[in-house]
Amino acid sequence: LSQCLNQTLPNAVHILTLDTYAIIFQVHCEMQAVDGDTPSKTKAWGNALAYYSPGLFSFYQFAKLEVKMKFNELIKKYYFRLGAEILSCLNGLMGIMLFVLDDSNEEALKGIEEILQLLERKVGTRIFYGTLWLAILRTSKIRYPALRFIIKSIPCSIEGLFAKRVYFNQDPYKVSNTETDTNELRVLPGPDDKLITEEELLYHYYQQKSTLVVNALIQCLEDDLVFTQRNAFDFL
């Protein structure tokens, strides 16, 4: 089935192929829902997707706009039902989105950024950005668009982070100053008045800063693509 997504074939074939994937996925989901969703069934669905994902993911970067939009709907409808189990395919899914994040089409970019935002909600801010920095470190082809995404999505000041939601294990929170003079921030909403330091907040975006983030930026500065180097300087 994945051979029908060969980039040399016409768009009509690609669309019909994605329709076929959708039918297969829907059957899986209906079978899973007979006795209700359970953790074991969600895990089984994740294992099933592992068989289909390589053929789907490798095709995405070559797809035309119309096909990409259909692909995005497939991802949102069937992959995100995994919940936290989407971690099993996080690297591949994030990778294909980053590959095409420099697409010049505004509609395509909007769809890609929406999926990346949904990924952050599902896995949490810390895991999302940790995976993103790891991808930058390991894969030269995604460094340029990934750095652009980071510059756009991470505010450059603590004040800017107050307006951005931080996801702790899929739960959205906002952060604000406390009334004291201490270097603590209040996490809202929450059953308790949870306080975190600025350093703890920034860790969600720059975990293992002295190793992972620094080495990723070094690779960007030494990258062969001058635009990647320029983005790294802009970030710094």
Protein backbone atom coordinates (compact mmCIF):
# COMPACT_ATOMS: atom_id res chain seq x y z
CA LEU A 1 0.00 0.00 0.00
CA SER A 2 2.81 2.43 0.83
CA GLN A 3 4.23 1.90 -2.68
CA CYS A 4 1.12 3.66 -3.97
CA LEU A 5 2.49 6.80 -2.30
CA ASN A 6 5.51 6.84 -4.58
CA GLN A 7 6.25 10.47 -5.46
CA THR A 8 6.28 9.67 -9.20
CA LEU A 9 2.59 8.69 -9.12
CA PRO A 10 -0.16 11.30 -9.65
CA ASN A 11 -1.96 13.10 -6.82
CA ALA A 12 -5.18 11.19 -7.47
CA VAL A 13 -3.43 7.93 -6.60
CA HIS A 14 -1.97 9.46 -3.43
CA ILE A 15 -5.40 10.71 -2.31
CA LEU A 16 -7.05 7.32 -2.93
CA THR A 17 -4.21 5.65 -1.04
CA LEU A 18 -4.73 7.90 1.97
CA ASP A 19 -8.45 7.13 1.78
CA THR A 20 -7.56 3.44 1.97
CA TYR A 21 -5.35 4.06 5.00
CA ALA A 22 -8.24 5.94 6.62
CA ILE A 23 -10.59 2.98 6.05
CA ILE A 24 -8.08 0.59 7.60
CA PHE A 25 -7.52 2.89 10.58
CA GLN A 26 -11.26 3.34 11.07
CA VAL A 27 -11.79 -0.43 11.17
CA HIS A 28 -9.03 -0.73 13.78
CA CYS A 29 -10.64 2.00 15.88
CA GLU A 30 -14.12 0.50 15.64
CA MET A 31 -12.78 -2.87 16.75
CA GLN A 32 -11.03 -1.18 19.63
CA ALA A 33 -14.20 0.65 20.69
CA VAL A 34 -16.37 -2.48 20.93
CA ASP A 35 -15.47 -2.99 24.60
CA GLY A 36 -14.43 0.59 25.22
CA ASP A 37 -10.99 2.18 25.10
CA THR A 38 -8.53 0.77 27.60
CA PRO A 39 -4.80 1.39 28.10
CA SER A 40 -4.02 -2.03 26.64
CA LYS A 41 -6.13 -1.35 23.54
CA THR A 42 -4.57 2.07 23.09
CA LYS A 43 -1.15 0.45 23.26
CA ALA A 44 -2.27 -2.17 20.74
CA TRP A 45 -3.42 0.62 18.41
CA GLY A 46 -0.03 2.26 18.82
CA ASN A 47 1.68 -1.01 17.89
CA ALA A 48 -0.55 -1.29 14.81
CA LEU A 49 0.34 2.24 13.71
CA ALA A 50 4.02 1.31 13.94
CA TYR A 51 3.50 -0.95 10.91
CA TYR A 52 1.87 1.77 8.83
CA SER A 53 3.93 4.81 9.85
CA PRO A 54 7.21 4.25 7.94
CA GLY A 55 5.49 4.24 4.54
CA LEU A 56 3.31 7.22 5.44
CA PHE A 57 6.03 9.33 7.04
CA SER A 58 8.60 8.92 4.27
CA PHE A 59 6.06 10.15 1.72
CA TYR A 60 4.97 13.38 3.42
CA GLN A 61 7.84 15.66 2.43
CA PHE A 62 7.19 15.02 -1.28
CA ALA A 63 3.39 15.41 -1.17
CA LYS A 64 1.54 18.22 -2.91
CA LEU A 65 -0.51 20.68 -0.86
CA GLU A 66 -3.88 18.96 -1.39
CA VAL A 67 -2.41 15.62 -0.32
CA LYS A 68 -0.63 17.15 2.67
CA MET A 69 -3.89 18.58 3.96
CA LYS A 70 -5.52 15.16 3.71
CA PHE A 71 -2.51 13.60 5.43
CA ASN A 72 -2.77 16.15 8.26
CA GLU A 73 -6.41 15.19 8.84
CA LEU A 74 -5.39 11.54 8.98
CA ILE A 75 -2.78 12.33 11.62
CA LYS A 76 -5.14 14.42 13.74
CA LYS A 77 -7.99 11.91 13.61
CA TYR A 78 -6.13 8.66 14.17
CA TYR A 79 -2.69 9.35 15.64
CA PHE A 80 -3.73 11.78 18.34
CA ARG A 81 -6.28 9.33 19.72
CA LEU A 82 -3.21 7.54 21.14
CA GLY A 83 -2.94 10.19 23.84
CA ALA A 84 0.39 9.90 25.67
CA GLU A 85 1.14 6.70 23.72
CA ILE A 86 1.96 8.93 20.75
CA LEU A 87 5.42 9.06 22.32
CA SER A 88 6.15 5.83 20.47
CA CYS A 89 6.13 7.66 17.13
CA LEU A 90 7.02 11.16 18.35
CA ASN A 91 10.46 11.27 16.70
CA GLY A 92 9.16 10.24 13.28
CA LEU A 93 6.08 12.45 13.37
CA MET A 94 8.00 15.50 14.54
CA GLY A 95 10.73 14.84 11.99
CA ILE A 96 8.43 14.85 8.96
CA MET A 97 6.70 18.01 10.15
CA LEU A 98 10.03 19.79 10.62
CA PHE A 99 11.24 18.66 7.19
CA VAL A 100 8.47 20.66 5.50
CA LEU A 101 8.23 23.53 7.95
CA ASP A 102 9.93 25.82 5.45
CA ASP A 103 7.08 25.29 2.97
CA SER A 104 6.27 28.58 1.27
CA ASN A 105 2.52 27.92 1.24
CA GLU A 106 0.79 29.68 4.13
CA GLU A 107 -2.05 27.14 4.34
CA ALA A 108 0.41 24.24 4.52
CA LEU A 109 2.45 26.00 7.21
CA LYS A 110 -0.66 26.62 9.28
CA GLY A 111 -1.53 22.91 9.20
CA ILE A 112 1.99 21.85 10.13
CA GLU A 113 2.23 24.30 13.03
CA GLU A 114 -1.18 23.12 14.30
CA ILE A 115 0.03 19.52 14.42
CA LEU A 116 3.22 20.55 16.23
CA GLN A 117 1.12 22.44 18.80
CA LEU A 118 -1.11 19.39 19.28
CA LEU A 119 1.99 17.25 19.77
CA GLU A 120 3.19 19.55 22.54
CA ARG A 121 -0.19 19.25 24.28
CA LYS A 122 -0.16 15.46 24.07
CA VAL A 123 3.37 14.77 25.30
CA GLY A 124 4.01 17.87 27.43
CA THR A 125 6.25 20.89 26.85
CA ARG A 126 9.39 19.33 28.35
CA ILE A 127 9.33 16.16 26.22
CA PHE A 128 8.28 18.07 23.10
CA TYR A 129 11.15 20.56 23.18
CA GLY A 130 13.62 17.93 24.37
CA THR A 131 12.80 15.85 21.29
CA LEU A 132 13.03 18.97 19.14
CA TRP A 133 16.53 19.84 20.36
CA LEU A 134 17.61 16.22 19.90
CA ALA A 135 16.35 16.30 16.31
CA ILE A 136 18.36 19.47 15.68
CA LEU A 137 21.46 17.81 17.10
CA ARG A 138 21.12 14.67 15.00
CA THR A 139 19.61 15.75 11.66
CA SER A 140 21.13 18.51 9.57
CA LYS A 141 18.19 18.74 7.13
CA ILE A 142 15.74 19.93 9.78
CA ARG A 143 18.01 22.40 11.61
CA TYR A 144 17.03 25.46 9.59
CA PRO A 145 13.22 25.08 9.85
CA ALA A 146 13.44 23.76 13.43
CA LEU A 147 15.40 26.80 14.60
CA ARG A 148 12.88 29.07 12.91
CA PHE A 149 10.12 27.28 14.80
CA ILE A 150 11.97 27.62 18.12
CA ILE A 151 12.62 31.34 17.58
CA LYS A 152 8.94 31.82 16.81
CA SER A 153 7.51 29.62 19.56
CA ILE A 154 9.73 30.28 22.60
CA PRO A 155 9.48 33.85 23.94
CA CYS A 156 12.88 35.45 24.55
CA SER A 157 11.92 36.80 27.99
CA ILE A 158 10.32 35.47 31.17
CA GLU A 159 7.56 38.04 30.75
CA GLY A 160 6.79 36.60 27.33
CA LEU A 161 6.50 33.10 28.79
CA PHE A 162 3.70 34.33 31.08
CA ALA A 163 1.43 34.62 28.04
CA LYS A 164 2.29 31.11 26.84
CA ARG A 165 0.80 27.90 28.16
CA VAL A 166 3.14 25.27 29.56
CA TYR A 167 1.97 21.67 29.34
CA PHE A 168 2.78 19.44 32.30
CA ASN A 169 1.79 15.89 31.35
CA GLN A 170 -0.87 17.10 28.89
CA ASP A 171 -2.43 19.55 31.39
CA PRO A 172 -2.20 23.22 30.30
CA TYR A 173 -1.00 25.82 32.81
CA LYS A 174 -0.12 29.46 32.73
CA VAL A 175 2.64 30.96 34.82
CA SER A 176 2.60 34.27 36.66
CA ASN A 177 4.67 36.21 39.18
CA THR A 178 4.11 35.71 42.88
CA GLU A 179 3.48 38.64 45.18
CA THR A 180 6.76 38.02 46.98
CA ASP A 181 10.20 39.22 46.00
CA THR A 182 11.51 35.67 45.63
CA ASN A 183 12.54 34.21 42.31
CA GLU A 184 9.40 32.07 42.18
CA LEU A 185 6.57 31.82 39.68
CA ARG A 186 3.03 30.66 40.32
CA VAL A 187 1.57 27.87 38.16
CA LEU A 188 -2.11 28.37 37.26
CA PRO A 189 -4.57 26.75 37.42
CA GLY A 190 -3.94 24.08 40.02
CA PRO A 191 -5.47 22.48 43.10
CA ASP A 192 -2.46 23.70 45.04
CA ASP A 193 -0.56 26.95 44.85
CA LYS A 194 2.34 25.35 43.07
CA LEU A 195 5.46 27.48 42.86
CA ILE A 196 8.38 26.95 40.52
CA THR A 197 11.54 28.94 39.91
CA GLU A 198 12.41 30.61 36.62
CA GLU A 199 15.08 27.97 36.14
CA GLU A 200 12.50 25.19 36.51
CA LEU A 201 10.24 26.90 34.00
CA LEU A 202 13.01 27.34 31.44
CA TYR A 203 13.99 23.69 31.88
CA HIS A 204 10.81 22.74 30.01
CA TYR A 205 12.20 24.51 26.94
CA TYR A 206 15.94 24.02 27.45
CA GLN A 207 16.38 20.73 29.28
CA GLN A 208 19.98 19.59 29.66
CA LYS A 209 20.95 23.07 28.50
CA SER A 210 24.68 22.67 29.08
CA THR A 211 24.83 19.48 27.01
CA LEU A 212 21.90 18.87 24.65
CA VAL A 213 20.97 22.48 23.79
CA VAL A 214 24.56 23.77 23.61
CA ASN A 215 25.71 20.88 21.42
CA ALA A 216 22.68 21.29 19.15
CA LEU A 217 23.51 24.98 18.70
CA ILE A 218 27.16 24.15 18.02
CA GLN A 219 26.05 21.80 15.25
CA CYS A 220 23.90 24.60 13.82
CA LEU A 221 26.78 27.06 13.87
CA GLU A 222 28.98 24.52 12.08
CA ASP A 223 26.27 23.51 9.59
CA ASP A 224 27.05 23.76 5.88
CA LEU A 225 23.90 25.80 5.23
CA VAL A 226 24.54 29.48 5.85
CA PHE A 227 20.86 30.10 6.68
CA THR A 228 21.10 27.59 9.52
CA GLN A 229 24.16 29.39 10.86
CA ARG A 230 22.32 32.72 10.63
CA ASN A 231 19.30 31.31 12.51
CA ALA A 232 21.59 30.05 15.23
CA PHE A 233 23.08 33.52 15.65
CA ASP A 234 19.58 35.04 15.65
CA PHE A 235 18.56 32.62 18.39
CA LEU A 236 21.61 33.43 20.51
